[in-house]
Amino acid sequence: MKVTKEDLKTMKKIIEEFFAASSFDIDTTRALYKSKKMSDTRFRFDILYAAVATTRSTVIKDIYKYANDTHINTALKTILKPKKG
């Protein structure tokens, strides 16, 4: 994964804070996207950009200096992986 551990940690933190401060639930939101036939990639990036907008974080701008959407998507797969079961 090209996204640094520090940036991954920041991404995870802002996403967790976003869900903690909202009425959204990761699994419910993921299911809604599936019901609307939207891709998992769309789900991951929508969550990321909603979280970044909410926290006014610059992490994405910083990551794009050394990585691209493919690398960011890989990091998001780690952060937003579905619960087992």
N, C-alpha and C. Protein backbone atom coordinates (compact mmCIF):
# COMPACT_ATOMS: atom_id res chain seq x y z
N MET A 1 0.85 -1.17 0.00
CA MET A 1 0.00 0.00 0.00
C MET A 1 0.90 1.23 0.00
N LYS A 2 0.60 2.14 -0.89
CA LYS A 2 1.44 3.34 -1.03
C LYS A 2 1.09 4.42 -0.01
N VAL A 3 -0.15 4.45 0.46
CA VAL A 3 -0.55 5.45 1.47
C VAL A 3 0.24 5.16 2.75
N THR A 4 0.86 6.19 3.29
CA THR A 4 1.70 5.99 4.48
C THR A 4 0.85 5.57 5.68
N LYS A 5 1.50 4.93 6.63
CA LYS A 5 0.79 4.51 7.84
C LYS A 5 0.20 5.70 8.57
N GLU A 6 0.91 6.81 8.57
CA GLU A 6 0.42 8.02 9.24
C GLU A 6 -0.85 8.55 8.56
N ASP A 7 -0.82 8.61 7.22
CA ASP A 7 -2.01 9.09 6.50
C ASP A 7 -3.16 8.10 6.62
N LEU A 8 -2.86 6.81 6.61
CA LEU A 8 -3.90 5.80 6.81
C LEU A 8 -4.56 5.97 8.17
N LYS A 9 -3.74 6.20 9.18
CA LYS A 9 -4.26 6.42 10.54
C LYS A 9 -5.16 7.66 10.58
N THR A 10 -4.74 8.73 9.91
CA THR A 10 -5.54 9.95 9.86
C THR A 10 -6.86 9.71 9.12
N MET A 11 -6.80 9.01 7.99
CA MET A 11 -8.02 8.69 7.26
C MET A 11 -8.99 7.90 8.13
N LYS A 12 -8.47 6.89 8.80
CA LYS A 12 -9.31 6.05 9.65
C LYS A 12 -9.94 6.88 10.76
N LYS A 13 -9.17 7.76 11.36
CA LYS A 13 -9.67 8.60 12.45
C LYS A 13 -10.80 9.51 11.98
N ILE A 14 -10.63 10.18 10.84
CA ILE A 14 -11.68 11.10 10.40
C ILE A 14 -12.94 10.35 9.97
N ILE A 15 -12.78 9.14 9.42
CA ILE A 15 -13.94 8.34 9.05
C ILE A 15 -14.67 7.86 10.30
N GLU A 16 -13.93 7.41 11.29
CA GLU A 16 -14.56 6.98 12.55
C GLU A 16 -15.27 8.15 13.23
N GLU A 17 -14.64 9.32 13.24
CA GLU A 17 -15.27 10.51 13.83
C GLU A 17 -16.53 10.89 13.07
N PHE A 18 -16.49 10.77 11.76
CA PHE A 18 -17.66 11.09 10.93
C PHE A 18 -18.84 10.19 11.31
N PHE A 19 -18.60 8.89 11.39
CA PHE A 19 -19.69 7.97 11.75
C PHE A 19 -20.14 8.17 13.19
N ALA A 20 -19.23 8.47 14.08
CA ALA A 20 -19.60 8.69 15.49
C ALA A 20 -20.47 9.93 15.64
N ALA A 21 -20.24 10.93 14.81
CA ALA A 21 -20.97 12.20 14.93
C ALA A 21 -22.24 12.24 14.08
N SER A 22 -22.46 11.21 13.28
CA SER A 22 -23.62 11.23 12.39
C SER A 22 -24.61 10.13 12.79
N SER A 23 -25.71 10.13 12.11
CA SER A 23 -26.71 9.09 12.35
C SER A 23 -26.49 7.90 11.42
N PHE A 24 -25.40 7.94 10.67
CA PHE A 24 -25.10 6.87 9.72
C PHE A 24 -24.39 5.72 10.39
N ASP A 25 -24.61 4.54 9.85
CA ASP A 25 -23.93 3.33 10.28
C ASP A 25 -23.24 2.76 9.04
N ILE A 26 -22.01 2.29 9.18
CA ILE A 26 -21.25 1.82 8.02
C ILE A 26 -22.00 0.72 7.28
N ASP A 27 -22.46 -0.30 7.99
CA ASP A 27 -23.10 -1.44 7.32
C ASP A 27 -24.43 -1.06 6.69
N THR A 28 -25.20 -0.23 7.36
CA THR A 28 -26.48 0.22 6.81
C THR A 28 -26.25 1.07 5.56
N THR A 29 -25.26 1.94 5.63
CA THR A 29 -24.94 2.79 4.49
C THR A 29 -24.45 1.95 3.32
N ARG A 30 -23.60 0.97 3.60
CA ARG A 30 -23.11 0.08 2.54
C ARG A 30 -24.29 -0.67 1.89
N ALA A 31 -25.21 -1.14 2.70
CA ALA A 31 -26.38 -1.85 2.17
C ALA A 31 -27.24 -0.94 1.31
N LEU A 32 -27.38 0.32 1.70
CA LEU A 32 -28.14 1.28 0.90
C LEU A 32 -27.49 1.46 -0.47
N TYR A 33 -26.18 1.60 -0.49
CA TYR A 33 -25.47 1.74 -1.76
C TYR A 33 -25.69 0.52 -2.64
N LYS A 34 -25.61 -0.68 -2.05
CA LYS A 34 -25.84 -1.90 -2.82
C LYS A 34 -27.25 -1.94 -3.37
N SER A 35 -28.22 -1.52 -2.56
CA SER A 35 -29.62 -1.54 -3.01
C SER A 35 -29.85 -0.57 -4.17
N LYS A 36 -29.03 0.47 -4.23
CA LYS A 36 -29.12 1.46 -5.32
C LYS A 36 -28.20 1.10 -6.48
N LYS A 37 -27.57 -0.09 -6.38
CA LYS A 37 -26.67 -0.60 -7.42
C LYS A 37 -25.44 0.29 -7.62
N MET A 38 -24.98 0.91 -6.53
CA MET A 38 -23.76 1.71 -6.58
C MET A 38 -22.58 0.84 -6.14
N SER A 39 -21.45 1.10 -6.71
CA SER A 39 -20.27 0.25 -6.46
C SER A 39 -19.69 0.45 -5.06
N ASP A 40 -18.92 -0.53 -4.64
CA ASP A 40 -18.21 -0.43 -3.36
C ASP A 40 -17.20 0.72 -3.40
N THR A 41 -16.59 0.93 -4.56
CA THR A 41 -15.63 2.04 -4.69
C THR A 41 -16.34 3.37 -4.48
N ARG A 42 -17.51 3.53 -5.07
CA ARG A 42 -18.28 4.76 -4.89
C ARG A 42 -18.61 4.96 -3.41
N PHE A 43 -19.03 3.90 -2.75
CA PHE A 43 -19.33 3.95 -1.32
C PHE A 43 -18.11 4.45 -0.53
N ARG A 44 -16.96 3.83 -0.78
CA ARG A 44 -15.75 4.19 -0.03
C ARG A 44 -15.36 5.65 -0.24
N PHE A 45 -15.36 6.11 -1.48
CA PHE A 45 -14.95 7.49 -1.75
C PHE A 45 -15.99 8.50 -1.25
N ASP A 46 -17.26 8.18 -1.35
CA ASP A 46 -18.29 9.08 -0.81
C ASP A 46 -18.12 9.25 0.70
N ILE A 47 -17.86 8.16 1.39
CA ILE A 47 -17.65 8.23 2.84
C ILE A 47 -16.42 9.06 3.15
N LEU A 48 -15.34 8.80 2.43
CA LEU A 48 -14.11 9.56 2.66
C LEU A 48 -14.32 11.05 2.46
N TYR A 49 -14.92 11.43 1.35
CA TYR A 49 -15.09 12.86 1.07
C TYR A 49 -16.10 13.51 2.00
N ALA A 50 -17.11 12.78 2.43
CA ALA A 50 -18.04 13.33 3.43
C ALA A 50 -17.31 13.56 4.74
N ALA A 51 -16.45 12.62 5.14
CA ALA A 51 -15.70 12.76 6.39
C ALA A 51 -14.70 13.91 6.30
N VAL A 52 -14.02 14.01 5.18
CA VAL A 52 -13.04 15.09 5.01
C VAL A 52 -13.73 16.44 5.04
N ALA A 53 -14.87 16.56 4.39
CA ALA A 53 -15.61 17.83 4.38
C ALA A 53 -16.08 18.20 5.77
N THR A 54 -16.50 17.20 6.54
CA THR A 54 -17.00 17.44 7.88
C THR A 54 -15.89 17.91 8.82
N THR A 55 -14.70 17.32 8.68
CA THR A 55 -13.61 17.64 9.60
C THR A 55 -12.67 18.71 9.08
N ARG A 56 -12.89 19.13 7.83
CA ARG A 56 -12.01 20.11 7.20
C ARG A 56 -10.57 19.62 7.12
N SER A 57 -10.41 18.31 7.00
CA SER A 57 -9.08 17.70 6.94
C SER A 57 -8.43 17.95 5.58
N THR A 58 -7.11 18.04 5.58
CA THR A 58 -6.36 18.20 4.34
C THR A 58 -5.64 16.91 3.95
N VAL A 59 -5.98 15.82 4.61
CA VAL A 59 -5.26 14.57 4.37
C VAL A 59 -5.30 14.15 2.90
N ILE A 60 -6.41 14.31 2.24
CA ILE A 60 -6.52 13.88 0.84
C ILE A 60 -5.59 14.70 -0.05
N LYS A 61 -5.58 15.99 0.15
CA LYS A 61 -4.67 16.85 -0.62
C LYS A 61 -3.22 16.40 -0.42
N ASP A 62 -2.88 16.06 0.79
CA ASP A 62 -1.52 15.61 1.09
C ASP A 62 -1.22 14.26 0.43
N ILE A 63 -2.19 13.35 0.46
CA ILE A 63 -1.98 12.03 -0.13
C ILE A 63 -1.82 12.12 -1.65
N TYR A 64 -2.58 13.00 -2.29
CA TYR A 64 -2.48 13.12 -3.75
C TYR A 64 -1.12 13.65 -4.19
N LYS A 65 -0.32 14.13 -3.28
CA LYS A 65 1.03 14.57 -3.64
C LYS A 65 1.93 13.37 -3.97
N TYR A 66 1.60 12.19 -3.45
CA TYR A 66 2.45 11.02 -3.68
C TYR A 66 1.68 9.76 -4.11
N ALA A 67 0.37 9.81 -4.15
CA ALA A 67 -0.42 8.63 -4.49
C ALA A 67 -1.59 9.02 -5.38
N ASN A 68 -2.30 8.01 -5.87
CA ASN A 68 -3.47 8.28 -6.72
C ASN A 68 -4.70 7.57 -6.18
N ASP A 69 -5.80 7.64 -6.92
CA ASP A 69 -7.07 7.06 -6.46
C ASP A 69 -6.97 5.56 -6.18
N THR A 70 -6.19 4.85 -6.97
CA THR A 70 -6.04 3.41 -6.75
C THR A 70 -5.43 3.15 -5.38
N HIS A 71 -4.42 3.91 -5.01
CA HIS A 71 -3.78 3.75 -3.71
C HIS A 71 -4.73 4.13 -2.58
N ILE A 72 -5.48 5.20 -2.78
CA ILE A 72 -6.43 5.65 -1.77
C ILE A 72 -7.53 4.60 -1.60
N ASN A 73 -8.01 4.04 -2.71
CA ASN A 73 -9.04 3.01 -2.63
C ASN A 73 -8.55 1.78 -1.86
N THR A 74 -7.31 1.40 -2.08
CA THR A 74 -6.73 0.28 -1.33
C THR A 74 -6.74 0.57 0.16
N ALA A 75 -6.36 1.79 0.53
CA ALA A 75 -6.38 2.18 1.95
C ALA A 75 -7.80 2.16 2.49
N LEU A 76 -8.75 2.64 1.70
CA LEU A 76 -10.15 2.66 2.14
C LEU A 76 -10.71 1.25 2.31
N LYS A 77 -10.28 0.31 1.48
CA LYS A 77 -10.71 -1.08 1.63
C LYS A 77 -10.31 -1.61 3.00
N THR A 78 -9.13 -1.21 3.45
CA THR A 78 -8.65 -1.63 4.77
C THR A 78 -9.49 -1.01 5.87
N ILE A 79 -9.79 0.26 5.73
CA ILE A 79 -10.53 1.00 6.76
C ILE A 79 -12.00 0.59 6.81
N LEU A 80 -12.62 0.42 5.66
CA LEU A 80 -14.07 0.20 5.58
C LEU A 80 -14.43 -1.24 5.22
N LYS A 81 -13.61 -2.19 5.61
CA LYS A 81 -13.92 -3.58 5.26
C LYS A 81 -15.19 -4.02 6.00
N PRO A 82 -16.00 -4.81 5.30
CA PRO A 82 -17.25 -5.28 5.91
C PRO A 82 -16.97 -6.17 7.12
N LYS A 83 -17.90 -6.15 8.06
CA LYS A 83 -17.79 -7.03 9.22
C LYS A 83 -18.00 -8.46 8.76
N LYS A 84 -17.28 -9.38 9.38
CA LYS A 84 -17.47 -10.79 9.05
C LYS A 84 -18.71 -11.31 9.77
N GLY A 85 -19.38 -12.21 9.07
CA GLY A 85 -20.54 -12.82 9.71
C GLY A 85 -21.77 -12.65 9.00
